[in-house]
Amino acid sequence: MRKNSRLPNFQNLGIHLRTLLIVNLLAIMAAILLSKELREFLPLLAQLSALVQPIILLSMLSLYVLYPIIAKLKYTQGIMAILLLELIITYLIFTLMRYYFVSDSPAEIVRPCLLTAIVTGIVLYYFYLQERAYSPAIAEARLQALQARIRPHFLFNSINAVLSLIRSQPKRAEKALEDMADLFRVLMAENRDLVPLAQELALCHQYLDLEKLRLEDRLKITWKIEDMPSDAMIPPLILQPLLENAVYHGVEPMPDGGEIIVGIYTKQKELHIIISNPYTPQNNHHSGNKMALKNIKERLKLHFDLESSLKTSINNNRYEVHISIPEKA
């Protein structure tokens, strides 16, 4: 889990791909600006790449290894540590490759170090702007949890279900009120950090217990979680809204109810979460589910970048949501 959310996660594949793209684009731009004629462009680009590629590859490897240490630093300290590391790597690579250059003067070392500092600043500033752009998804997640995920109909139906139990089954009614309190307490909290999968599942069980008060035998749940890693870290409130949509758009419209299947397993160092529910075109499930899916995609991207995915499909009259995230998180 990231200690300092403002620093890029250098153990993330998406971060490295973007870094490679940005640095190489800057190298291409530099070759274009320095070329007096078109025929000079490719030789100059090859010369720049001979210096740039070893630096960027060694930098990514070093940052991957050192990220657990860098992540513990304050933001300014982390930036300075990254900049110092880049300058050291540039100096070492340039010293080893000095025979490619005409001059051996100190100025020839100062120039690439200065360019490295500028490029490093550009890359870090890009990731800073990216983090600022996606951060509103965290605040939006909390707002949607209050306005959309726990819909008013769920609150009113749950209260009515509890009222019907107070006289006949007071213990069950008390347990239901405790579940409601726990559920809303989590939804109103600041949900910024990753949470253990077991904690998220406990919340889902509380939610489904409340739905069973009114749907009773119409709501069937099948859990396929035998190989589930309980300590895996996931963003909070990504399962509950999907289950609510499965109940609201899949089970509730069916006269005889239906079955929701939840499967969680690991494969090739990835955590897979699959939720499926009954589907009929007249339920218009996809349009009703769009808000929750959009928000979950944004939060997955914020936490895991390109290493996560969310896919939906419709097969054999069932609507399926498949989430995959890196298990190392």
Protein backbone atom coordinates (compact mmCIF):
# COMPACT_ATOMS: atom_id res chain seq x y z
CA MET A 1 0.00 0.00 0.00
CA ARG A 2 1.27 3.45 -0.83
CA LYS A 3 2.58 5.48 2.07
CA ASN A 4 2.75 8.78 0.20
CA SER A 5 -0.05 9.07 -2.35
CA ARG A 6 1.52 12.11 -4.02
CA LEU A 7 4.61 10.17 -5.13
CA PRO A 8 4.14 7.83 -8.10
CA ASN A 9 4.17 4.13 -7.31
CA PHE A 10 7.38 2.97 -8.96
CA GLN A 11 6.38 -0.66 -8.54
CA ASN A 12 3.44 -0.13 -10.89
CA LEU A 13 3.69 -1.20 -14.54
CA GLY A 14 1.59 1.74 -15.73
CA ILE A 15 3.98 4.22 -14.11
CA HIS A 16 6.96 2.68 -15.91
CA LEU A 17 5.18 2.60 -19.28
CA ARG A 18 4.23 6.26 -18.98
CA THR A 19 7.75 7.17 -17.91
CA LEU A 20 9.22 5.41 -20.94
CA LEU A 21 6.75 7.15 -23.24
CA ILE A 22 7.38 10.63 -21.81
CA VAL A 23 11.18 10.34 -21.83
CA ASN A 24 11.30 8.98 -25.37
CA LEU A 25 8.92 11.66 -26.62
CA LEU A 26 11.19 14.29 -25.07
CA ALA A 27 14.19 12.66 -26.78
CA ILE A 28 12.39 12.77 -30.13
CA MET A 29 11.49 16.44 -29.60
CA ALA A 30 15.10 17.22 -28.70
CA ALA A 31 16.36 15.46 -31.85
CA ILE A 32 13.89 17.44 -33.96
CA LEU A 33 14.92 20.77 -32.43
CA LEU A 34 18.65 20.07 -32.72
CA SER A 35 18.51 18.76 -36.31
CA LYS A 36 19.35 21.42 -38.87
CA GLU A 37 18.34 19.13 -41.71
CA LEU A 38 15.99 16.18 -41.99
CA ARG A 39 18.82 13.76 -42.71
CA GLU A 40 20.41 14.63 -39.36
CA PHE A 41 17.33 13.61 -37.36
CA LEU A 42 17.75 9.81 -37.27
CA PRO A 43 21.51 9.80 -36.51
CA LEU A 44 20.98 12.37 -33.77
CA LEU A 45 18.04 10.43 -32.32
CA ALA A 46 20.14 7.24 -32.32
CA GLN A 47 22.91 9.10 -30.50
CA LEU A 48 20.51 10.44 -27.89
CA SER A 49 18.88 7.03 -27.45
CA ALA A 50 22.26 5.40 -26.86
CA LEU A 51 22.59 7.60 -23.78
CA VAL A 52 18.95 7.91 -22.73
CA GLN A 53 17.87 4.25 -22.84
CA PRO A 54 20.49 2.89 -20.40
CA ILE A 55 19.75 5.75 -18.01
CA ILE A 56 15.98 5.28 -18.06
CA LEU A 57 16.15 1.47 -17.79
CA LEU A 58 18.60 1.57 -14.89
CA SER A 59 16.52 4.31 -13.26
CA MET A 60 13.31 2.28 -13.43
CA LEU A 61 15.04 -0.77 -12.00
CA SER A 62 16.58 1.27 -9.16
CA LEU A 63 13.31 3.04 -8.33
CA TYR A 64 11.43 -0.28 -8.33
CA VAL A 65 13.86 -1.72 -5.79
CA LEU A 66 14.11 1.44 -3.66
CA TYR A 67 10.42 2.40 -3.75
CA PRO A 68 9.55 0.92 -0.31
CA ILE A 69 12.17 3.27 1.18
CA ILE A 70 11.24 6.30 -0.94
CA ALA A 71 7.53 5.84 -0.14
CA LYS A 72 8.23 6.39 3.56
CA LEU A 73 9.77 9.83 2.94
CA LYS A 74 7.90 13.10 2.95
CA TYR A 75 6.92 14.35 -0.50
CA THR A 76 9.72 16.92 -0.79
CA GLN A 77 12.29 14.48 0.56
CA GLY A 78 11.08 11.82 -1.88
CA ILE A 79 11.42 14.22 -4.82
CA MET A 80 14.95 15.17 -3.77
CA ALA A 81 15.91 11.51 -3.32
CA ILE A 82 14.62 10.65 -6.79
CA LEU A 83 16.43 13.61 -8.34
CA LEU A 84 19.70 12.70 -6.61
CA LEU A 85 19.37 9.08 -7.74
CA GLU A 86 18.81 10.17 -11.35
CA LEU A 87 21.86 12.45 -11.29
CA ILE A 88 24.06 9.66 -9.90
CA ILE A 89 22.84 7.21 -12.55
CA THR A 90 23.38 9.77 -15.31
CA TYR A 91 26.91 10.51 -14.12
CA LEU A 92 27.81 6.80 -13.97
CA ILE A 93 26.32 5.97 -17.38
CA PHE A 94 27.89 9.03 -19.00
CA THR A 95 31.30 8.21 -17.51
CA LEU A 96 31.14 4.66 -18.89
CA MET A 97 30.07 5.91 -22.32
CA ARG A 98 32.34 8.94 -22.52
CA TYR A 99 34.30 7.51 -25.43
CA TYR A 100 31.25 8.17 -27.63
CA PHE A 101 31.80 11.90 -27.21
CA VAL A 102 34.50 14.15 -28.63
CA SER A 103 35.26 16.13 -25.50
CA ASP A 104 36.26 14.88 -22.08
CA SER A 105 35.75 18.20 -20.37
CA PRO A 106 33.65 18.48 -17.17
CA ALA A 107 31.14 20.60 -19.09
CA GLU A 108 30.20 17.52 -21.11
CA ILE A 109 29.13 15.82 -17.89
CA VAL A 110 27.33 18.83 -16.46
CA ARG A 111 25.10 19.19 -19.51
CA PRO A 112 23.52 15.69 -19.45
CA CYS A 113 23.11 15.93 -15.66
CA LEU A 114 21.26 19.21 -16.12
CA LEU A 115 19.06 17.68 -18.83
CA THR A 116 18.37 14.70 -16.58
CA ALA A 117 17.24 17.03 -13.80
CA ILE A 118 14.90 18.85 -16.21
CA VAL A 119 13.42 15.63 -17.62
CA THR A 120 13.01 14.17 -14.12
CA GLY A 121 11.17 17.33 -13.07
CA ILE A 122 8.86 17.10 -16.09
CA VAL A 123 8.05 13.44 -15.44
CA LEU A 124 7.38 13.97 -11.73
CA TYR A 125 5.24 17.02 -12.44
CA TYR A 126 3.18 14.96 -14.92
CA PHE A 127 2.49 12.33 -12.27
CA TYR A 128 1.67 15.08 -9.76
CA LEU A 129 -0.93 16.51 -12.15
CA GLN A 130 -2.27 13.02 -12.83
CA GLU A 131 -2.68 12.35 -9.11
CA ARG A 132 -4.53 15.66 -8.68
CA ALA A 133 -6.77 14.82 -11.63
CA TYR A 134 -7.84 11.45 -10.20
CA SER A 135 -8.00 12.40 -6.53
CA PRO A 136 -11.56 13.78 -6.85
CA ALA A 137 -12.64 10.18 -7.47
CA ILE A 138 -12.01 9.52 -3.77
CA ALA A 139 -14.33 12.32 -2.68
CA GLU A 140 -16.84 11.31 -5.35
CA ALA A 141 -16.76 7.75 -4.04
CA ARG A 142 -17.89 8.91 -0.62
CA LEU A 143 -20.60 11.14 -2.09
CA GLN A 144 -21.94 8.38 -4.31
CA ALA A 145 -21.92 5.98 -1.39
CA LEU A 146 -24.39 8.26 0.37
CA GLN A 147 -26.43 9.35 -2.64
CA ALA A 148 -26.44 6.39 -4.99
CA ARG A 149 -24.98 3.20 -3.60
CA ILE A 150 -27.24 3.00 -0.59
CA ARG A 151 -30.38 4.09 -2.37
CA PRO A 152 -33.30 5.61 -0.46
CA HIS A 153 -35.44 2.61 -1.32
CA PHE A 154 -32.97 0.35 0.48
CA LEU A 155 -33.04 2.49 3.61
CA PHE A 156 -36.83 2.69 3.73
CA ASN A 157 -37.32 -1.00 2.92
CA SER A 158 -34.80 -2.01 5.57
CA ILE A 159 -36.50 0.13 8.21
CA ASN A 160 -39.89 -1.34 7.31
CA ALA A 161 -38.45 -4.85 7.46
CA VAL A 162 -36.98 -4.17 10.91
CA LEU A 163 -40.28 -2.73 12.14
CA SER A 164 -42.07 -5.90 11.08
CA LEU A 165 -39.66 -7.95 13.19
CA ILE A 166 -39.64 -5.90 16.37
CA ARG A 167 -42.53 -7.73 18.03
CA SER A 168 -42.15 -11.21 16.55
CA GLN A 169 -38.34 -11.48 16.43
CA PRO A 170 -36.81 -8.72 18.59
CA LYS A 171 -33.31 -10.27 18.60
CA ARG A 172 -33.25 -10.42 14.83
CA ALA A 173 -34.50 -6.84 14.58
CA GLU A 174 -31.76 -5.70 16.96
CA LYS A 175 -29.13 -7.48 14.86
CA ALA A 176 -30.49 -5.85 11.70
CA LEU A 177 -30.27 -2.37 13.27
CA GLU A 178 -26.67 -3.07 14.28
CA ASP A 179 -25.89 -4.11 10.71
CA MET A 180 -27.46 -0.90 9.38
CA ALA A 181 -25.44 1.21 11.80
CA ASP A 182 -22.19 -0.54 10.85
CA LEU A 183 -22.97 -0.23 7.16
CA PHE A 184 -23.64 3.50 7.24
CA ARG A 185 -20.69 4.11 9.56
CA VAL A 186 -18.36 2.66 6.92
CA LEU A 187 -20.03 4.58 4.10
CA MET A 188 -19.67 7.89 5.91
CA ALA A 189 -16.00 7.34 6.77
CA GLU A 190 -13.07 8.77 4.81
CA ASN A 191 -12.37 5.82 2.53
CA ARG A 192 -8.94 6.71 1.14
CA ASP A 193 -6.77 3.73 2.01
CA LEU A 194 -6.88 0.13 0.89
CA VAL A 195 -8.59 -2.32 3.24
CA PRO A 196 -8.27 -6.09 3.78
CA LEU A 197 -10.52 -8.18 1.56
CA ALA A 198 -11.97 -9.91 4.65
CA GLN A 199 -13.15 -6.53 5.98
CA GLU A 200 -14.87 -5.69 2.71
CA LEU A 201 -16.58 -9.08 2.65
CA ALA A 202 -17.84 -8.61 6.21
CA LEU A 203 -19.53 -5.39 5.07
CA CYS A 204 -21.06 -7.23 2.12
CA HIS A 205 -22.47 -9.93 4.42
CA GLN A 206 -24.10 -7.24 6.57
CA TYR A 207 -25.64 -5.62 3.52
CA LEU A 208 -26.96 -8.92 2.14
CA ASP A 209 -28.40 -9.89 5.52
CA LEU A 210 -30.45 -6.70 5.44
CA GLU A 211 -31.69 -7.42 1.92
CA LYS A 212 -32.68 -10.93 2.95
CA LEU A 213 -35.05 -9.45 5.54
CA ARG A 214 -37.40 -8.39 2.78
CA LEU A 215 -36.50 -10.65 -0.16
CA GLU A 216 -36.17 -13.77 2.01
CA ASP A 217 -35.89 -16.92 -0.14
CA ARG A 218 -36.05 -14.90 -3.37
CA LEU A 219 -32.46 -13.83 -2.76
CA LYS A 220 -29.94 -16.64 -3.08
CA ILE A 221 -26.20 -16.09 -2.61
CA THR A 222 -23.49 -18.52 -3.65
CA TRP A 223 -19.97 -17.81 -2.40
CA LYS A 224 -17.00 -19.33 -4.24
CA ILE A 225 -14.23 -18.02 -2.03
CA GLU A 226 -12.38 -21.15 -0.92
CA ASP A 227 -9.10 -19.88 -2.42
CA MET A 228 -9.63 -16.28 -1.37
CA PRO A 229 -6.61 -14.46 0.21
CA SER A 230 -8.30 -12.75 3.17
CA ASP A 231 -5.40 -10.36 3.72
CA ALA A 232 -5.31 -9.04 0.15
CA MET A 233 -5.69 -5.25 0.07
CA ILE A 234 -8.42 -3.71 -2.09
CA PRO A 235 -10.10 -0.29 -2.37
CA PRO A 236 -13.03 0.00 0.04
CA LEU A 237 -16.61 -0.08 -1.20
CA ILE A 238 -16.05 -1.77 -4.54
CA LEU A 239 -17.96 -4.98 -3.77
CA GLN A 240 -20.98 -3.65 -1.86
CA PRO A 241 -22.22 -1.32 -4.66
CA LEU A 242 -21.86 -4.13 -7.19
CA LEU A 243 -23.86 -6.46 -4.95
CA GLU A 244 -26.50 -3.79 -4.49
CA ASN A 245 -26.82 -3.41 -8.25
CA ALA A 246 -27.01 -7.19 -8.58
CA VAL A 247 -29.90 -7.24 -6.09
CA TYR A 248 -31.69 -4.15 -7.40
CA HIS A 249 -31.37 -4.80 -11.16
CA GLY A 250 -30.98 -8.58 -11.25
CA VAL A 251 -32.84 -10.34 -8.44
CA GLU A 252 -35.56 -7.93 -7.32
CA PRO A 253 -37.36 -7.62 -10.73
CA MET A 254 -37.60 -11.41 -11.08
CA PRO A 255 -40.91 -12.82 -9.74
CA ASP A 256 -39.15 -15.88 -8.31
CA GLY A 257 -35.99 -14.03 -7.39
CA GLY A 258 -32.59 -15.27 -8.46
CA GLU A 259 -29.07 -16.26 -7.52
CA ILE A 260 -26.06 -13.98 -7.10
CA ILE A 261 -22.72 -15.76 -7.48
CA VAL A 262 -19.58 -14.25 -5.95
CA GLY A 263 -16.27 -15.77 -6.92
CA ILE A 264 -12.90 -14.64 -5.55
CA TYR A 265 -9.59 -16.31 -6.37
CA THR A 266 -5.96 -15.61 -7.24
CA LYS A 267 -4.23 -16.44 -10.50
CA GLN A 268 -0.75 -15.45 -11.67
CA LYS A 269 -0.30 -12.99 -8.80
CA GLU A 270 -3.62 -11.29 -9.55
CA LEU A 271 -6.74 -11.14 -7.40
CA HIS A 272 -9.90 -11.86 -9.40
CA ILE A 273 -13.37 -10.89 -8.20
CA ILE A 274 -16.38 -12.04 -10.23
CA ILE A 275 -19.98 -11.10 -9.40
CA SER A 276 -22.83 -12.36 -11.57
CA ASN A 277 -26.60 -12.06 -11.32
CA PRO A 278 -29.72 -12.86 -13.41
CA TYR A 279 -30.21 -10.62 -16.43
CA THR A 280 -33.14 -9.85 -18.67
CA PRO A 281 -33.09 -7.04 -21.26
CA GLN A 282 -36.23 -5.42 -19.89
CA ASN A 283 -34.46 -4.84 -16.57
CA ASN A 284 -32.17 -2.34 -18.33
CA HIS A 285 -29.41 -3.42 -15.95
CA HIS A 286 -26.53 -1.83 -17.83
CA SER A 287 -27.81 1.73 -17.67
CA GLY A 288 -28.67 1.42 -14.00
CA ASN A 289 -25.24 0.01 -13.19
CA LYS A 290 -23.26 2.60 -15.13
CA MET A 291 -22.67 5.07 -12.29
CA ALA A 292 -21.22 2.49 -9.89
CA LEU A 293 -19.04 0.92 -12.57
CA LYS A 294 -17.63 4.28 -13.68
CA ASN A 295 -16.72 5.24 -10.13
CA ILE A 296 -15.14 1.87 -9.36
CA LYS A 297 -13.05 2.03 -12.56
CA GLU A 298 -11.75 5.47 -11.57
CA ARG A 299 -10.78 4.33 -8.09
CA LEU A 300 -9.10 1.17 -9.38
CA LYS A 301 -7.07 3.30 -11.79
CA LEU A 302 -6.15 5.69 -9.01
CA HIS A 303 -4.81 2.88 -6.81
CA PHE A 304 -3.39 0.44 -9.38
CA ASP A 305 -3.16 2.32 -12.70
CA LEU A 306 -2.86 -0.08 -15.68
CA GLU A 307 -2.41 -3.12 -13.45
CA SER A 308 -6.14 -3.32 -12.71
CA SER A 309 -9.15 -3.96 -14.92
CA LEU A 310 -12.93 -4.07 -14.74
CA LYS A 311 -14.87 -5.91 -17.43
CA THR A 312 -18.56 -6.65 -17.87
CA SER A 313 -20.25 -9.30 -19.97
CA ILE A 314 -23.65 -10.88 -20.56
CA ASN A 315 -23.77 -14.65 -21.06
CA ASN A 316 -26.59 -17.19 -20.67
CA ASN A 317 -28.99 -14.59 -19.22
CA ARG A 318 -26.49 -13.54 -16.57
CA TYR A 319 -24.75 -10.22 -16.11
CA GLU A 320 -21.15 -10.55 -14.92
CA VAL A 321 -18.63 -8.04 -13.53
CA HIS A 322 -15.00 -9.19 -13.46
CA ILE A 323 -12.41 -7.18 -11.49
CA SER A 324 -8.71 -8.00 -11.44
CA ILE A 325 -6.07 -6.22 -9.33
CA PRO A 326 -2.46 -7.06 -8.46
CA GLU A 327 -2.31 -9.38 -5.47
CA LYS A 328 0.87 -7.68 -4.19
CA ALA A 329 -1.29 -4.70 -3.15
